Amino acid sequence: VMLISFFGFLILLASRTSLVILLLFTLFLVVKAMAEKKIKPFSFYIFISTYVLAIFIALKLPYLRDRIDRIAERGMSGDPRSMTFKCGTEAFLESPVFGMGIGDVREFALLCYKHHGFTEPLEKHYNFHNEFLETAASTGIVGFLVIILLLLSLLKDAIRQKNRIGILFVLMVIIAFQTESMLSRNKGILFFTFFSSLL
């Protein structure tokens, strides 16, 4: 139920990286449980059927399908993240200690996209597509250290409690933060706060 809830939230976030990570981690956990004879073969087959259905549903979503097709056709150069990462780095270097402020970083991003001729990020008002970079640019090294300490604290608690789902959640969030500014959107904040509190 928890994994299906994760999957549902990630579908709402339309985060390809997070979906792939969740599917790979859960497959690993289920195969490991099967090898250790902690689940019965019938349960394993039910999971695999659900797993295949989840992948099928994810591939049917127009937004995800479009992004996957674009990368398949043009490689990583078709992904605007390289453009947003460049402007995010420039924003951080502009004010590294305390950052530019949450409101000002958005304005800086749009001006940077315009200056470099990054059409798609400018037209679609993209954020930096990296939560660590977004946090560092808006709140500086201070905010960056706070988010790192928060994630490490959650991971430490999950490991101490031997909470596999909790460990999976924190690892998934850390990896997802590499390609998504999840905490810049209400859906991302809800996902992070709900599951980090619950687990």
Protein backbone atom coordinates (compact mmCIF):
# COMPACT_ATOMS: atom_id res chain seq x y z
CA VAL A 1 0.00 0.00 0.00
CA MET A 2 2.87 2.34 0.86
CA LEU A 3 4.61 1.65 -2.45
CA ILE A 4 1.38 2.23 -4.39
CA SER A 5 0.98 5.54 -2.50
CA PHE A 6 4.57 6.50 -3.45
CA PHE A 7 3.83 5.62 -7.05
CA GLY A 8 0.60 7.66 -7.09
CA PHE A 9 2.32 10.77 -5.71
CA LEU A 10 5.18 10.43 -8.19
CA ILE A 11 2.70 10.16 -11.07
CA LEU A 12 1.20 13.47 -9.87
CA LEU A 13 4.68 15.00 -9.73
CA ALA A 14 5.44 13.63 -13.22
CA SER A 15 8.98 12.86 -12.10
CA ARG A 16 10.50 10.33 -14.46
CA THR A 17 13.66 9.83 -12.45
CA SER A 18 11.77 9.22 -9.21
CA LEU A 19 9.42 6.74 -10.90
CA VAL A 20 12.30 4.74 -12.34
CA ILE A 21 14.12 4.74 -8.99
CA LEU A 22 11.00 3.63 -7.12
CA LEU A 23 10.37 0.79 -9.57
CA LEU A 24 14.00 -0.39 -9.42
CA PHE A 25 14.22 -0.21 -5.62
CA THR A 26 10.92 -2.03 -5.10
CA LEU A 27 11.89 -4.71 -7.60
CA PHE A 28 15.17 -5.19 -5.70
CA LEU A 29 13.35 -5.43 -2.35
CA VAL A 30 10.81 -7.94 -3.64
CA VAL A 31 13.43 -10.15 -5.36
CA LYS A 32 15.52 -10.04 -2.16
CA ALA A 33 12.47 -10.99 -0.05
CA MET A 34 11.68 -13.83 -2.47
CA ALA A 35 15.28 -15.12 -2.28
CA GLU A 36 15.13 -15.00 1.53
CA LYS A 37 11.76 -16.82 1.37
CA LYS A 38 10.03 -13.96 3.21
CA ILE A 39 7.19 -13.84 0.65
CA LYS A 40 5.35 -16.67 -1.06
CA PRO A 41 5.61 -17.25 -4.83
CA PHE A 42 1.94 -16.27 -5.29
CA SER A 43 2.59 -12.87 -3.66
CA PHE A 44 5.68 -12.46 -5.83
CA TYR A 45 3.63 -13.02 -9.01
CA ILE A 46 0.96 -10.59 -7.82
CA PHE A 47 3.68 -7.97 -7.25
CA ILE A 48 5.27 -8.54 -10.66
CA SER A 49 1.84 -8.18 -12.33
CA THR A 50 1.22 -4.92 -10.44
CA TYR A 51 4.74 -3.77 -11.33
CA VAL A 52 4.19 -4.34 -15.06
CA LEU A 53 0.79 -2.60 -14.87
CA ALA A 54 2.39 0.40 -13.12
CA ILE A 55 5.02 0.72 -15.86
CA PHE A 56 2.30 0.48 -18.53
CA ILE A 57 0.24 3.22 -16.83
CA ALA A 58 3.31 5.47 -16.45
CA LEU A 59 4.18 5.12 -20.13
CA LYS A 60 0.62 6.07 -21.11
CA LEU A 61 0.81 9.48 -19.42
CA PRO A 62 1.23 12.08 -22.21
CA TYR A 63 3.72 14.29 -20.33
CA LEU A 64 6.00 11.40 -19.37
CA ARG A 65 5.71 9.83 -22.82
CA ASP A 66 6.66 13.13 -24.49
CA ARG A 67 9.73 13.59 -22.27
CA ILE A 68 10.90 10.01 -22.81
CA ASP A 69 10.44 10.31 -26.59
CA ARG A 70 12.37 13.58 -26.67
CA ILE A 71 15.36 12.08 -24.86
CA ALA A 72 15.22 8.95 -27.05
CA GLU A 73 15.33 11.13 -30.20
CA ARG A 74 17.85 13.80 -29.20
CA GLY A 75 19.70 12.35 -26.22
CA MET A 76 20.42 14.49 -23.17
CA SER A 77 20.82 17.57 -25.39
CA GLY A 78 17.04 17.44 -25.82
CA ASP A 79 16.62 17.85 -22.07
CA PRO A 80 16.53 21.50 -20.92
CA ARG A 81 18.07 20.56 -17.55
CA SER A 82 21.57 21.40 -18.78
CA MET A 83 20.32 24.94 -19.43
CA THR A 84 18.61 25.26 -16.04
CA PHE A 85 21.65 23.81 -14.23
CA LYS A 86 23.89 26.46 -15.84
CA CYS A 87 21.65 29.30 -14.67
CA GLY A 88 21.24 27.70 -11.23
CA THR A 89 25.00 27.59 -10.80
CA GLU A 90 25.26 31.25 -11.85
CA ALA A 91 22.55 32.17 -9.32
CA PHE A 92 24.38 30.38 -6.51
CA LEU A 93 27.72 32.00 -7.37
CA GLU A 94 26.03 35.43 -7.34
CA SER A 95 25.25 35.12 -3.60
CA PRO A 96 26.76 31.93 -2.14
CA VAL A 97 26.44 32.49 1.62
CA PHE A 98 22.80 33.50 2.19
CA GLY A 99 21.41 33.14 -1.34
CA MET A 100 19.29 35.49 -3.39
CA GLY A 101 15.99 34.86 -1.65
CA ILE A 102 13.17 32.63 -2.85
CA GLY A 103 11.36 35.34 -4.85
CA ASP A 104 14.48 36.90 -6.37
CA VAL A 105 15.90 33.59 -7.58
CA ARG A 106 12.87 33.10 -9.87
CA GLU A 107 13.44 36.51 -11.46
CA PHE A 108 17.18 35.81 -11.84
CA ALA A 109 16.41 32.47 -13.52
CA LEU A 110 14.21 34.08 -16.17
CA LEU A 111 16.75 36.82 -16.86
CA CYS A 112 19.52 34.21 -17.13
CA TYR A 113 17.48 32.08 -19.56
CA LYS A 114 16.84 35.16 -21.66
CA HIS A 115 20.51 36.23 -21.56
CA HIS A 116 21.73 32.80 -22.74
CA GLY A 117 18.94 32.35 -25.30
CA PHE A 118 17.42 29.33 -23.52
CA THR A 119 13.99 29.48 -25.18
CA GLU A 120 12.15 26.53 -23.63
CA PRO A 121 13.09 27.26 -19.98
CA LEU A 122 12.22 30.94 -20.51
CA GLU A 123 8.84 30.31 -22.16
CA LYS A 124 7.80 27.65 -19.64
CA HIS A 125 9.24 29.48 -16.59
CA TYR A 126 11.28 26.47 -15.48
CA ASN A 127 12.88 26.26 -12.09
CA PHE A 128 16.44 24.89 -11.83
CA HIS A 129 15.32 21.22 -11.86
CA ASN A 130 17.65 20.32 -9.00
CA GLU A 131 16.44 20.80 -5.43
CA PHE A 132 19.95 21.10 -4.00
CA LEU A 133 20.84 23.77 -6.57
CA GLU A 134 17.49 25.53 -6.11
CA THR A 135 17.96 25.62 -2.34
CA ALA A 136 21.59 26.78 -2.58
CA ALA A 137 20.67 29.55 -5.06
CA SER A 138 17.72 30.83 -3.02
CA THR A 139 18.98 30.35 0.56
CA GLY A 140 22.74 29.99 0.06
CA ILE A 141 25.09 27.52 1.66
CA VAL A 142 23.15 27.92 4.92
CA GLY A 143 19.91 26.55 3.44
CA PHE A 144 21.84 23.90 1.51
CA LEU A 145 23.40 22.59 4.74
CA VAL A 146 20.00 22.57 6.47
CA ILE A 147 18.43 20.38 3.76
CA ILE A 148 21.46 18.03 3.75
CA LEU A 149 21.27 17.67 7.57
CA LEU A 150 17.52 17.03 7.38
CA LEU A 151 17.96 14.23 4.81
CA LEU A 152 20.86 12.69 6.73
CA SER A 153 18.82 12.79 9.94
CA LEU A 154 15.88 11.03 8.23
CA LEU A 155 18.21 8.41 6.74
CA LYS A 156 19.95 7.82 10.08
CA ASP A 157 16.60 7.30 11.84
CA ALA A 158 15.37 4.91 9.13
CA ILE A 159 18.59 2.85 9.31
CA ARG A 160 18.51 2.77 13.13
CA GLN A 161 14.89 1.55 13.07
CA LYS A 162 15.64 -0.93 10.24
CA ASN A 163 12.80 0.68 8.30
CA ARG A 164 13.35 -0.51 4.71
CA ILE A 165 10.53 1.62 3.31
CA GLY A 166 11.91 4.66 5.14
CA ILE A 167 15.39 4.03 3.75
CA LEU A 168 13.88 3.59 0.27
CA PHE A 169 11.98 6.86 0.65
CA VAL A 170 15.02 8.92 1.70
CA LEU A 171 17.26 7.43 -1.01
CA MET A 172 14.54 8.02 -3.59
CA VAL A 173 14.17 11.65 -2.48
CA ILE A 174 17.94 12.27 -2.55
CA ILE A 175 18.17 10.90 -6.08
CA ALA A 176 15.00 12.71 -7.21
CA PHE A 177 16.40 16.00 -5.87
CA GLN A 178 19.18 15.67 -8.48
CA THR A 179 16.73 16.18 -11.36
CA GLU A 180 13.69 17.86 -9.80
CA SER A 181 13.05 20.94 -7.66
CA MET A 182 10.41 19.02 -5.73
CA LEU A 183 10.07 21.51 -2.88
CA SER A 184 9.26 24.34 -5.29
CA ARG A 185 5.80 22.86 -5.96
CA ASN A 186 2.90 22.20 -3.61
CA LYS A 187 2.67 18.57 -4.77
CA GLY A 188 6.35 18.03 -3.99
CA ILE A 189 6.09 19.64 -0.55
CA LEU A 190 3.02 17.50 0.24
CA PHE A 191 4.81 14.34 -0.93
CA PHE A 192 7.96 15.04 1.09
CA THR A 193 6.30 16.22 4.31
CA PHE A 194 3.59 13.54 4.32
CA PHE A 195 5.89 10.56 3.79
CA SER A 196 8.80 11.85 5.89
CA SER A 197 6.39 12.40 8.80
CA LEU A 198 4.60 9.08 8.28
CA LEU A 199 7.79 7.02 8.01
